Amino acid sequence: MTGAEKIKKIMEIINSGKTVQFRSGLSCINVDAKAVSRFEKAGAEMFKASGNSIYIASGRNWKCLNLHAVYTIA
């Protein structure tokens, strides 16, 4: 599954009204429709894909969600 396909699936879950939680050893990021809409209003992307990898915006940087990340749907 490519990164773009993963993002599409994540966005389908978020748009259905659920929250997706990305957890790694040091951080936990909750993403819901409200968070995505804030990024869209600012004209920014919350997720980006590169090959099979997914990245999430973190300030002016991007965090890779592939290594040791656990995805939970709440």
Foldseek 3Di string as FASTA:
>chain_A
DFQVVVVVVVVVLQVVFKWKWKDAPPDIDIDHPVNCVVCVVVVHHQWDGDTRWIWGDDPPDTDTRPPRIDIDID
